[in-house]
C-alpha cells in the first residue's frame, strides 16, 4: 500500500445457511407454541365443572376457547 492510501473492508453478507437456520428455528418455535395452545385448550376442556367454576369460567367459555383454531394465539407470540 502506498502512503496515505486506505484499505477497504469487505462486508460479508450473512451466509445462506444462517438465514435458513434462523427460518427453521422460528418455524420450530411457532410449531411448539401452536402445540402448547392445543394442549392447554384440551386440558381446559377436560376439567370438571367445579374446577372451572373455581377459576371463574363456565363450560360455554371453555367450549368457545376449545373450538378456536390452534393457530389463533390470544397472546400473538
N, C-alpha and C. Protein backbone atom coordinates (compact mmCIF):
# COMPACT_ATOMS: atom_id res chain seq x y z
N UNK A 1 0.83 -1.16 0.00
CA UNK A 1 0.00 0.00 0.00
C UNK A 1 0.89 1.24 0.00
N UNK A 2 0.43 2.23 -0.70
CA UNK A 2 1.18 3.48 -0.76
C UNK A 2 0.81 4.35 0.43
N UNK A 3 1.70 5.29 0.72
CA UNK A 3 1.48 6.20 1.83
C UNK A 3 0.19 6.99 1.61
N UNK A 4 -0.68 7.03 2.64
CA UNK A 4 -1.92 7.77 2.55
C UNK A 4 -3.07 6.99 1.93
N UNK A 5 -2.77 5.85 1.38
CA UNK A 5 -3.83 5.05 0.76
C UNK A 5 -4.50 4.22 1.85
N UNK A 6 -5.79 4.23 1.84
CA UNK A 6 -6.53 3.48 2.85
C UNK A 6 -7.03 2.19 2.23
N UNK A 7 -6.99 1.18 3.04
CA UNK A 7 -7.51 -0.10 2.59
C UNK A 7 -9.04 -0.11 2.65
N UNK A 8 -9.62 -1.15 2.21
CA UNK A 8 -11.08 -1.26 2.25
C UNK A 8 -11.45 -2.49 3.07
N UNK A 9 -12.66 -2.45 3.55
CA UNK A 9 -13.16 -3.56 4.36
C UNK A 9 -14.24 -4.25 3.56
N UNK A 10 -14.09 -5.52 3.45
CA UNK A 10 -15.11 -6.29 2.74
C UNK A 10 -16.21 -6.66 3.73
N UNK A 11 -17.41 -6.26 3.40
CA UNK A 11 -18.55 -6.55 4.26
C UNK A 11 -19.17 -7.85 3.77
N UNK A 12 -19.19 -8.81 4.67
CA UNK A 12 -19.74 -10.12 4.31
C UNK A 12 -21.23 -10.14 4.59
N UNK A 13 -21.98 -10.64 3.65
CA UNK A 13 -23.42 -10.81 3.88
C UNK A 13 -23.62 -12.12 4.64
N UNK A 14 -24.72 -12.21 5.36
CA UNK A 14 -24.95 -13.45 6.11
C UNK A 14 -24.98 -14.65 5.17
N UNK A 15 -24.40 -15.71 5.61
CA UNK A 15 -24.38 -16.92 4.80
C UNK A 15 -25.80 -17.44 4.63
N UNK A 16 -26.10 -17.96 3.45
CA UNK A 16 -27.45 -18.50 3.24
C UNK A 16 -27.83 -19.57 4.27
N UNK A 17 -26.83 -20.32 4.72
CA UNK A 17 -27.12 -21.35 5.73
C UNK A 17 -27.65 -20.74 7.01
N UNK A 18 -27.10 -19.59 7.41
CA UNK A 18 -27.57 -18.98 8.65
C UNK A 18 -28.99 -18.44 8.50
N UNK A 19 -29.34 -17.96 7.33
CA UNK A 19 -30.70 -17.48 7.10
C UNK A 19 -31.69 -18.64 7.13
N UNK A 20 -31.31 -19.74 6.54
CA UNK A 20 -32.17 -20.93 6.55
C UNK A 20 -32.31 -21.44 7.97
N UNK A 21 -31.20 -21.43 8.70
CA UNK A 21 -31.23 -21.89 10.09
C UNK A 21 -32.15 -21.02 10.93
N UNK A 22 -32.06 -19.70 10.75
CA UNK A 22 -32.94 -18.80 11.50
C UNK A 22 -34.41 -19.06 11.18
N UNK A 23 -34.70 -19.29 9.90
CA UNK A 23 -36.08 -19.57 9.50
C UNK A 23 -36.57 -20.88 10.11
N UNK A 24 -35.70 -21.88 10.13
CA UNK A 24 -36.09 -23.17 10.72
C UNK A 24 -36.30 -23.05 12.24
N UNK A 25 -35.47 -22.28 12.91
CA UNK A 25 -35.63 -22.09 14.35
C UNK A 25 -36.95 -21.36 14.63
N UNK A 26 -37.25 -20.33 13.83
CA UNK A 26 -38.51 -19.60 14.00
C UNK A 26 -39.71 -20.51 13.75
N UNK A 27 -39.61 -21.35 12.73
CA UNK A 27 -40.70 -22.28 12.41
C UNK A 27 -40.89 -23.29 13.54
N UNK A 28 -39.79 -23.80 14.08
CA UNK A 28 -39.87 -24.76 15.18
C UNK A 28 -40.50 -24.11 16.41
N UNK A 29 -40.13 -22.87 16.69
CA UNK A 29 -40.71 -22.14 17.83
C UNK A 29 -42.22 -21.96 17.63
N UNK A 30 -42.63 -21.62 16.42
CA UNK A 30 -44.04 -21.42 16.12
C UNK A 30 -44.82 -22.73 16.27
N UNK A 31 -44.26 -23.83 15.77
CA UNK A 31 -44.93 -25.12 15.91
C UNK A 31 -45.06 -25.50 17.38
N UNK A 32 -44.03 -25.22 18.16
CA UNK A 32 -44.09 -25.51 19.60
C UNK A 32 -45.17 -24.70 20.29
N UNK A 33 -45.29 -23.44 19.91
CA UNK A 33 -46.32 -22.57 20.51
C UNK A 33 -47.71 -23.08 20.15
N UNK A 34 -47.90 -23.46 18.89
CA UNK A 34 -49.20 -23.97 18.46
C UNK A 34 -49.54 -25.26 19.19
N UNK A 35 -48.56 -26.13 19.37
CA UNK A 35 -48.82 -27.37 20.11
C UNK A 35 -49.18 -27.06 21.56
N UNK A 36 -48.48 -26.12 22.16
CA UNK A 36 -48.77 -25.74 23.54
C UNK A 36 -50.20 -25.19 23.68
N UNK A 37 -50.64 -24.36 22.74
CA UNK A 37 -52.01 -23.85 22.76
C UNK A 37 -53.01 -25.00 22.67
N UNK A 38 -52.76 -25.93 21.77
CA UNK A 38 -53.65 -27.08 21.60
C UNK A 38 -53.71 -27.89 22.89
N UNK A 39 -52.56 -28.13 23.51
CA UNK A 39 -52.51 -28.91 24.75
C UNK A 39 -53.25 -28.21 25.88
N UNK A 40 -53.05 -26.90 26.01
CA UNK A 40 -53.73 -26.16 27.08
C UNK A 40 -55.23 -26.15 26.88
N UNK A 41 -55.68 -25.98 25.66
CA UNK A 41 -57.13 -25.97 25.39
C UNK A 41 -57.74 -27.33 25.65
N UNK A 42 -57.02 -28.39 25.28
CA UNK A 42 -57.52 -29.74 25.52
C UNK A 42 -57.60 -30.02 27.02
N UNK A 43 -56.60 -29.59 27.78
CA UNK A 43 -56.60 -29.76 29.23
C UNK A 43 -57.76 -28.99 29.86
N UNK A 44 -57.95 -27.77 29.43
CA UNK A 44 -59.03 -26.94 29.96
C UNK A 44 -60.40 -27.58 29.70
N UNK A 45 -60.57 -28.14 28.50
CA UNK A 45 -61.84 -28.77 28.15
C UNK A 45 -62.09 -30.03 28.96
N UNK A 46 -61.03 -30.65 29.44
CA UNK A 46 -61.18 -31.87 30.22
C UNK A 46 -61.41 -31.65 31.70
N UNK A 47 -61.39 -30.41 32.14
CA UNK A 47 -61.57 -30.12 33.56
C UNK A 47 -63.03 -30.24 33.97
N UNK A 48 -63.23 -30.52 35.23
CA UNK A 48 -64.60 -30.64 35.74
C UNK A 48 -65.25 -29.26 35.86
N UNK A 49 -66.58 -29.27 35.93
CA UNK A 49 -67.32 -28.01 36.05
C UNK A 49 -66.97 -27.28 37.34
N UNK A 50 -66.73 -28.04 38.41
CA UNK A 50 -66.40 -27.38 39.68
C UNK A 50 -65.01 -26.72 39.61
N UNK A 51 -64.07 -27.36 38.92
CA UNK A 51 -62.73 -26.75 38.77
C UNK A 51 -62.82 -25.49 37.92
N UNK A 52 -63.64 -25.54 36.86
CA UNK A 52 -63.82 -24.35 36.01
C UNK A 52 -64.47 -23.22 36.81
N UNK A 53 -65.45 -23.60 37.65
CA UNK A 53 -66.12 -22.59 38.46
C UNK A 53 -65.14 -21.92 39.42
N UNK A 54 -64.20 -22.70 39.98
CA UNK A 54 -63.17 -22.14 40.86
C UNK A 54 -62.31 -21.11 40.14
N UNK A 55 -62.13 -21.30 38.83
CA UNK A 55 -61.33 -20.36 38.04
C UNK A 55 -62.17 -19.22 37.46
N UNK A 56 -63.47 -19.28 37.70
CA UNK A 56 -64.34 -18.23 37.18
C UNK A 56 -64.73 -18.41 35.73
N UNK A 57 -64.69 -19.66 35.28
CA UNK A 57 -65.03 -19.95 33.88
C UNK A 57 -66.27 -20.83 33.83
N UNK A 58 -67.02 -20.67 32.75
CA UNK A 58 -68.17 -21.55 32.53
C UNK A 58 -67.80 -22.55 31.44
N UNK A 59 -68.59 -23.58 31.32
CA UNK A 59 -68.37 -24.59 30.29
C UNK A 59 -68.48 -23.95 28.89
N UNK A 60 -69.36 -22.98 28.74
CA UNK A 60 -69.54 -22.29 27.46
C UNK A 60 -68.26 -21.52 27.10
N UNK A 61 -67.65 -20.84 28.09
CA UNK A 61 -66.39 -20.13 27.85
C UNK A 61 -65.31 -21.09 27.37
N UNK A 62 -65.25 -22.24 28.02
CA UNK A 62 -64.23 -23.23 27.68
C UNK A 62 -64.48 -23.79 26.29
N UNK A 63 -65.71 -24.06 25.95
CA UNK A 63 -66.00 -24.59 24.61
C UNK A 63 -65.66 -23.58 23.52
N UNK A 64 -65.93 -22.31 23.78
CA UNK A 64 -65.54 -21.27 22.81
C UNK A 64 -64.03 -21.28 22.60
N UNK A 65 -63.31 -21.37 23.69
CA UNK A 65 -61.84 -21.38 23.59
C UNK A 65 -61.36 -22.66 22.91
N UNK A 66 -61.95 -23.78 23.24
CA UNK A 66 -61.54 -25.06 22.68
C UNK A 66 -61.77 -25.14 21.18
N UNK A 67 -62.83 -24.49 20.71
CA UNK A 67 -63.16 -24.54 19.29
C UNK A 67 -62.32 -23.59 18.42
N UNK A 68 -61.54 -22.74 19.05
CA UNK A 68 -60.67 -21.85 18.28
C UNK A 68 -59.62 -22.68 17.56
N UNK A 69 -59.20 -22.25 16.37
CA UNK A 69 -58.13 -22.98 15.67
C UNK A 69 -56.81 -22.90 16.44
N UNK A 70 -55.98 -23.90 16.27
CA UNK A 70 -54.74 -23.96 17.04
C UNK A 70 -53.81 -22.78 16.76
N UNK A 71 -53.91 -22.19 15.59
CA UNK A 71 -53.03 -21.07 15.25
C UNK A 71 -53.54 -19.72 15.77
N UNK A 72 -54.74 -19.72 16.35
CA UNK A 72 -55.33 -18.49 16.87
C UNK A 72 -54.77 -18.26 18.27
N UNK A 73 -53.69 -17.51 18.34
CA UNK A 73 -52.98 -17.28 19.59
C UNK A 73 -53.45 -15.97 20.22
N UNK A 74 -54.10 -16.03 21.38
CA UNK A 74 -54.57 -14.80 22.01
C UNK A 74 -53.43 -13.89 22.45
N UNK A 75 -52.24 -14.45 22.67
CA UNK A 75 -51.10 -13.66 23.10
C UNK A 75 -50.28 -13.14 21.92
N UNK A 76 -50.58 -13.59 20.72
CA UNK A 76 -49.86 -13.19 19.48
C UNK A 76 -48.37 -13.37 19.61
N UNK A 77 -47.94 -14.53 20.14
CA UNK A 77 -46.50 -14.81 20.29
C UNK A 77 -45.94 -15.40 19.04
